[in-house]
Amino acid sequence: MAMNQSSVVTEKWDHIRVEKNPEKETATITLDRPEKMNTLSYIGRSHLHRIFEQLNQDDEVRVIVIKGAGEKAFTSGGTIAEFLERHPEELSVLHKNVAAPERSPKPVIAQLQGFTFGVGLEIAMACDFRVASETTQLALPELNLGMIPGSGGTQRIARIAGLGRAKDMIMRARRIPAEEAHQWGLLTTVVPQADLENEVQSLAEELNRFSPLALRVLKRVLNSSQEGPLSAGLEIEGYAYGMLRSTEDFHEGVHAFVEKRKPHFKGK
């Protein structure tokens, strides 16, 4: 296989397709059920967790993209009827699988268009970047079913957009259009649908210019600092800063700066 070709990871995932591009050092996870707005089954959530575990260990992959097939939806949510077949204890830990993008040490980009509802929004909120087309609508509509979001939606929306906006959105089961969501800080950027793929590719290429080791450490510092006071965050940041001082990538970055050339990072 030529290096500029994508390779398909041929596992039997439930309506999820995984492709790697070794040349661009990216992997793309596609929720692949366009005839049903890419709805994600209960087992599909656990498959998503396993996919991320595999990609986390793959040295050919430095950036991960997750998207939906077609242009109508990232995903309109879960397969609702399944939840009546599951024990309440099973449902209480769904957030662990959906948080797989957040736990990944690699940058994860959510490529969004159309309906991004329910678990789809919860997955997107667990990603590091959310690049959306103008057609994107965000919603956590669980109240319409007599239920609440259960895979991190209430917590991440409130942390990013604020408690007042979270209540306005979730307690009214509102659909938030892309521009408003961008103003709230829920989306990284919004572009025309025709530009979406290029925008995501450009962001992936930008991230790949940096030291993968420094990015891993930075993501961990940023995520960890959300769970405690400022003093704890400063301690974590300081420790990580000192640790990176001894890495080959930092030495390469300094020499490249002095020599006025592009650095060649190896992740060491």
Protein backbone atom coordinates (compact mmCIF):
# COMPACT_ATOMS: atom_id res chain seq x y z
CA MET A 1 0.00 0.00 0.00
CA ALA A 2 1.34 3.43 -0.93
CA MET A 3 1.97 5.76 2.00
CA ASN A 4 -0.53 8.33 0.76
CA GLN A 5 -3.39 5.85 0.80
CA SER A 6 -5.81 5.26 3.65
CA SER A 7 -5.98 1.85 5.28
CA VAL A 8 -9.18 0.46 6.75
CA VAL A 9 -9.11 -1.03 10.22
CA THR A 10 -11.16 -4.14 9.56
CA GLU A 11 -12.80 -4.93 12.88
CA LYS A 12 -16.50 -5.77 13.07
CA TRP A 13 -17.67 -2.62 14.78
CA ASP A 14 -21.40 -1.86 15.02
CA HIS A 15 -21.98 0.72 12.26
CA ILE A 16 -18.61 2.34 12.90
CA ARG A 17 -15.86 2.55 10.29
CA VAL A 18 -12.20 3.29 11.05
CA GLU A 19 -9.60 4.43 8.51
CA LYS A 20 -5.95 5.36 8.96
CA ASN A 21 -3.86 7.65 6.78
CA PRO A 22 -0.20 6.87 7.60
CA GLU A 23 1.12 9.75 5.49
CA LYS A 24 -0.98 12.34 7.35
CA GLU A 25 -0.64 10.42 10.65
CA THR A 26 -4.37 10.61 11.26
CA ALA A 27 -7.19 8.16 11.91
CA THR A 28 -10.84 8.84 11.08
CA ILE A 29 -13.69 7.20 12.98
CA THR A 30 -16.95 7.39 11.04
CA LEU A 31 -20.35 6.74 12.61
CA ASP A 32 -21.70 4.92 9.60
CA ARG A 33 -25.47 4.57 9.67
CA PRO A 34 -26.62 7.44 7.44
CA GLU A 35 -30.01 5.90 6.66
CA LYS A 36 -30.84 6.32 10.38
CA MET A 37 -29.03 9.60 10.99
CA ASN A 38 -26.00 7.68 12.30
CA THR A 39 -27.74 6.62 15.50
CA LEU A 40 -25.38 4.91 17.92
CA SER A 41 -26.39 1.63 19.52
CA TYR A 42 -25.67 0.61 23.09
CA ILE A 43 -22.99 -1.83 21.92
CA GLY A 44 -21.64 0.85 19.57
CA ARG A 45 -20.68 2.93 22.60
CA SER A 46 -18.50 0.15 23.95
CA HIS A 47 -17.02 -0.35 20.47
CA LEU A 48 -16.13 3.35 20.40
CA HIS A 49 -14.26 2.89 23.65
CA ARG A 50 -12.34 -0.09 22.24
CA ILE A 51 -11.51 1.78 19.01
CA PHE A 52 -9.95 4.62 20.97
CA GLU A 53 -7.96 2.16 23.08
CA GLN A 54 -6.47 0.70 19.90
CA LEU A 55 -5.73 4.07 18.28
CA ASN A 56 -4.18 5.38 21.50
CA GLN A 57 -1.51 2.67 21.18
CA ASP A 58 -0.93 3.14 17.43
CA ASP A 59 2.29 5.05 16.72
CA GLU A 60 1.15 5.73 13.13
CA VAL A 61 -1.67 7.91 14.46
CA ARG A 62 -1.07 11.32 16.00
CA VAL A 63 -4.49 12.96 15.50
CA ILE A 64 -7.94 11.32 15.63
CA VAL A 65 -11.02 12.64 13.80
CA ILE A 66 -14.55 11.44 14.53
CA LYS A 67 -17.39 12.24 12.15
CA GLY A 68 -20.74 11.03 10.84
CA ALA A 69 -21.43 9.56 7.41
CA GLY A 70 -23.30 11.78 4.94
CA GLU A 71 -24.22 15.42 5.50
CA LYS A 72 -27.47 15.19 7.46
CA ALA A 73 -26.10 14.29 10.87
CA PHE A 74 -23.08 13.69 13.02
CA THR A 75 -25.48 11.49 14.93
CA SER A 76 -29.06 12.13 15.97
CA GLY A 77 -28.47 10.20 19.20
CA GLY A 78 -28.85 6.70 20.56
CA THR A 79 -31.17 3.85 19.67
CA ILE A 80 -33.82 4.80 22.20
CA ALA A 81 -35.82 1.58 22.52
CA GLU A 82 -32.70 -0.32 23.60
CA PHE A 83 -32.59 1.47 26.93
CA LEU A 84 -35.72 -0.29 28.16
CA GLU A 85 -33.85 -3.57 27.73
CA ARG A 86 -30.91 -2.55 29.93
CA HIS A 87 -30.53 -2.75 33.69
CA PRO A 88 -30.41 0.66 35.44
CA GLU A 89 -26.90 -0.10 36.72
CA GLU A 90 -25.67 -0.55 33.15
CA LEU A 91 -27.08 2.82 32.18
CA SER A 92 -25.42 4.56 35.12
CA VAL A 93 -21.92 3.99 33.68
CA LEU A 94 -22.55 4.94 30.03
CA HIS A 95 -20.48 8.07 30.49
CA LYS A 96 -17.30 5.98 30.74
CA ASN A 97 -17.46 4.82 27.11
CA VAL A 98 -18.53 8.22 25.80
CA ALA A 99 -15.56 9.87 27.54
CA ALA A 100 -13.07 7.87 25.43
CA PRO A 101 -12.06 10.92 23.32
CA GLU A 102 -11.32 12.90 26.48
CA ARG A 103 -9.17 10.11 27.92
CA SER A 104 -7.21 9.70 24.70
CA PRO A 105 -3.70 11.15 25.00
CA LYS A 106 -3.95 12.31 21.38
CA PRO A 107 -5.79 15.36 20.00
CA VAL A 108 -9.32 14.45 18.95
CA ILE A 109 -11.35 16.53 16.48
CA ALA A 110 -15.13 16.18 16.18
CA GLN A 111 -16.31 16.97 12.64
CA LEU A 112 -19.94 18.02 12.97
CA GLN A 113 -22.79 18.66 10.58
CA GLY A 114 -26.57 18.54 10.79
CA PHE A 115 -28.14 16.85 13.80
CA THR A 116 -25.75 16.49 16.73
CA PHE A 117 -28.15 15.30 19.39
CA GLY A 118 -28.07 13.29 22.60
CA VAL A 119 -25.12 10.98 22.84
CA GLY A 120 -23.74 12.55 19.65
CA LEU A 121 -23.37 15.89 21.40
CA GLU A 122 -21.97 14.17 24.48
CA ILE A 123 -19.28 12.48 22.37
CA ALA A 124 -18.48 15.78 20.65
CA MET A 125 -18.16 17.57 24.00
CA ALA A 126 -15.61 14.96 25.10
CA CYS A 127 -13.42 15.84 22.10
CA ASP A 128 -10.73 18.52 22.16
CA PHE A 129 -11.98 20.43 19.11
CA ARG A 130 -15.42 20.72 17.53
CA VAL A 131 -15.32 21.90 13.92
CA ALA A 132 -18.85 22.35 12.62
CA SER A 133 -20.63 23.23 9.42
CA GLU A 134 -23.27 25.95 9.37
CA THR A 135 -25.93 23.23 9.20
CA THR A 136 -25.09 21.91 12.66
CA GLN A 137 -27.73 21.86 15.39
CA LEU A 138 -26.88 20.84 18.94
CA ALA A 139 -29.41 19.41 21.37
CA LEU A 140 -29.83 17.27 24.46
CA PRO A 141 -33.53 16.45 24.00
CA GLU A 142 -33.83 13.72 26.65
CA LEU A 143 -36.52 15.59 28.62
CA ASN A 144 -38.90 14.83 25.75
CA LEU A 145 -38.57 11.17 26.79
CA GLY A 146 -39.00 11.81 30.49
CA MET A 147 -35.24 11.36 30.98
CA ILE A 148 -32.11 13.48 31.40
CA PRO A 149 -28.76 13.29 29.58
CA GLY A 150 -26.69 10.50 31.10
CA SER A 151 -23.32 10.40 29.33
CA GLY A 152 -21.72 13.62 30.47
CA GLY A 153 -23.94 16.16 28.72
CA THR A 154 -25.14 18.05 31.79
CA GLN A 155 -21.63 18.36 33.20
CA ARG A 156 -19.64 19.33 30.12
CA ILE A 157 -22.19 21.82 28.77
CA ALA A 158 -22.31 23.59 32.14
CA ARG A 159 -18.51 23.65 32.46
CA ILE A 160 -17.95 25.08 28.99
CA ALA A 161 -20.98 27.32 28.44
CA GLY A 162 -21.94 28.10 32.04
CA LEU A 163 -24.75 26.89 34.28
CA GLY A 164 -27.32 29.40 33.03
CA ARG A 165 -26.89 28.46 29.39
CA ALA A 166 -26.85 24.76 30.26
CA LYS A 167 -30.21 25.13 31.99
CA ASP A 168 -31.62 27.17 29.11
CA MET A 169 -30.55 24.52 26.63
CA ILE A 170 -31.16 21.25 28.49
CA MET A 171 -34.17 22.10 30.67
CA ARG A 172 -36.02 23.34 27.58
CA ALA A 173 -34.70 20.61 25.24
CA ARG A 174 -33.64 23.45 22.91
CA ARG A 175 -31.95 22.99 19.56
CA ILE A 176 -28.98 25.36 19.44
CA PRO A 177 -27.91 26.45 15.92
CA ALA A 178 -24.23 26.47 15.03
CA GLU A 179 -23.64 30.21 15.31
CA GLU A 180 -25.22 30.45 18.75
CA ALA A 181 -23.31 27.38 19.90
CA HIS A 182 -20.09 28.99 18.67
CA GLN A 183 -20.87 32.13 20.66
CA TRP A 184 -21.40 29.99 23.75
CA GLY A 185 -18.00 28.34 23.28
CA LEU A 186 -19.47 24.91 22.51
CA LEU A 187 -17.96 24.89 18.99
CA THR A 188 -14.35 25.68 18.07
CA THR A 189 -15.18 27.04 14.64
CA VAL A 190 -18.08 27.13 12.16
CA VAL A 191 -17.59 26.96 8.38
CA PRO A 192 -19.74 26.37 5.29
CA GLN A 193 -20.56 22.71 4.68
CA ALA A 194 -18.43 22.71 1.52
CA ASP A 195 -15.36 23.74 3.55
CA LEU A 196 -15.81 21.33 6.47
CA GLU A 197 -13.47 18.53 5.35
CA ASN A 198 -10.69 20.97 4.44
CA GLU A 199 -11.04 22.83 7.73
CA VAL A 200 -10.69 19.61 9.72
CA GLN A 201 -7.75 18.47 7.61
CA SER A 202 -6.05 21.84 8.08
CA LEU A 203 -6.46 21.63 11.85
CA ALA A 204 -5.08 18.08 11.91
CA GLU A 205 -2.05 19.17 9.88
CA GLU A 206 -1.50 22.11 12.24
CA LEU A 207 -1.57 19.83 15.29
CA ASN A 208 0.84 17.41 13.64
CA ARG A 209 3.48 20.12 13.44
CA PHE A 210 3.88 20.10 17.21
CA SER A 211 5.66 17.65 19.48
CA PRO A 212 3.26 14.75 20.12
CA LEU A 213 4.77 14.33 23.57
CA ALA A 214 4.19 17.98 24.47
CA LEU A 215 0.60 17.76 23.16
CA ARG A 216 -0.08 14.66 25.26
CA VAL A 217 1.25 16.33 28.38
CA LEU A 218 -0.62 19.57 27.64
CA LYS A 219 -3.94 17.80 27.15
CA ARG A 220 -3.48 15.99 30.46
CA VAL A 221 -2.60 19.22 32.27
CA LEU A 222 -5.61 21.07 30.84
CA ASN A 223 -8.08 18.27 31.58
CA SER A 224 -6.73 17.58 35.07
CA SER A 225 -6.81 21.24 36.08
CA GLN A 226 -10.59 21.36 35.62
CA GLU A 227 -11.14 19.08 38.59
CA GLY A 228 -9.51 21.16 41.32
CA PRO A 229 -8.53 24.62 42.58
CA LEU A 230 -6.13 26.96 40.80
CA SER A 231 -3.32 26.09 43.20
CA ALA A 232 -3.53 22.41 42.23
CA GLY A 233 -3.61 23.29 38.54
CA LEU A 234 -0.49 25.42 38.91
CA GLU A 235 1.31 22.56 40.63
CA ILE A 236 0.38 20.15 37.83
CA GLU A 237 1.43 22.65 35.17
CA GLY A 238 4.74 23.35 36.89
CA TYR A 239 5.60 19.69 37.26
CA ALA A 240 4.80 19.00 33.60
CA TYR A 241 6.80 22.04 32.48
CA GLY A 242 9.85 20.86 34.40
CA MET A 243 9.50 17.29 33.11
CA LEU A 244 9.38 18.44 29.46
CA ARG A 245 12.66 20.32 29.97
CA SER A 246 14.52 17.00 29.73
CA THR A 247 12.89 15.74 26.51
CA GLU A 248 14.55 15.41 23.12
CA ASP A 249 11.66 17.31 21.52
CA PHE A 250 12.28 20.37 23.68
CA HIS A 251 15.98 20.37 22.81
CA GLU A 252 15.06 20.02 19.12
CA GLY A 253 12.57 22.88 19.40
CA VAL A 254 15.14 25.21 20.98
CA HIS A 255 17.84 24.34 18.43
CA ALA A 256 15.38 24.77 15.55
CA PHE A 257 14.37 28.19 16.89
CA VAL A 258 17.98 29.33 17.20
CA GLU A 259 18.87 27.94 13.76
CA LYS A 260 15.74 29.46 12.18
CA ARG A 261 14.41 26.17 10.78
CA LYS A 262 11.35 24.00 11.27
CA PRO A 263 11.69 21.52 14.14
CA HIS A 264 11.51 17.78 13.56
CA PHE A 265 9.76 16.33 16.59
CA LYS A 266 9.92 12.62 17.40
CA GLY A 267 7.73 12.43 20.47
CA LYS A 268 10.65 11.67 22.78
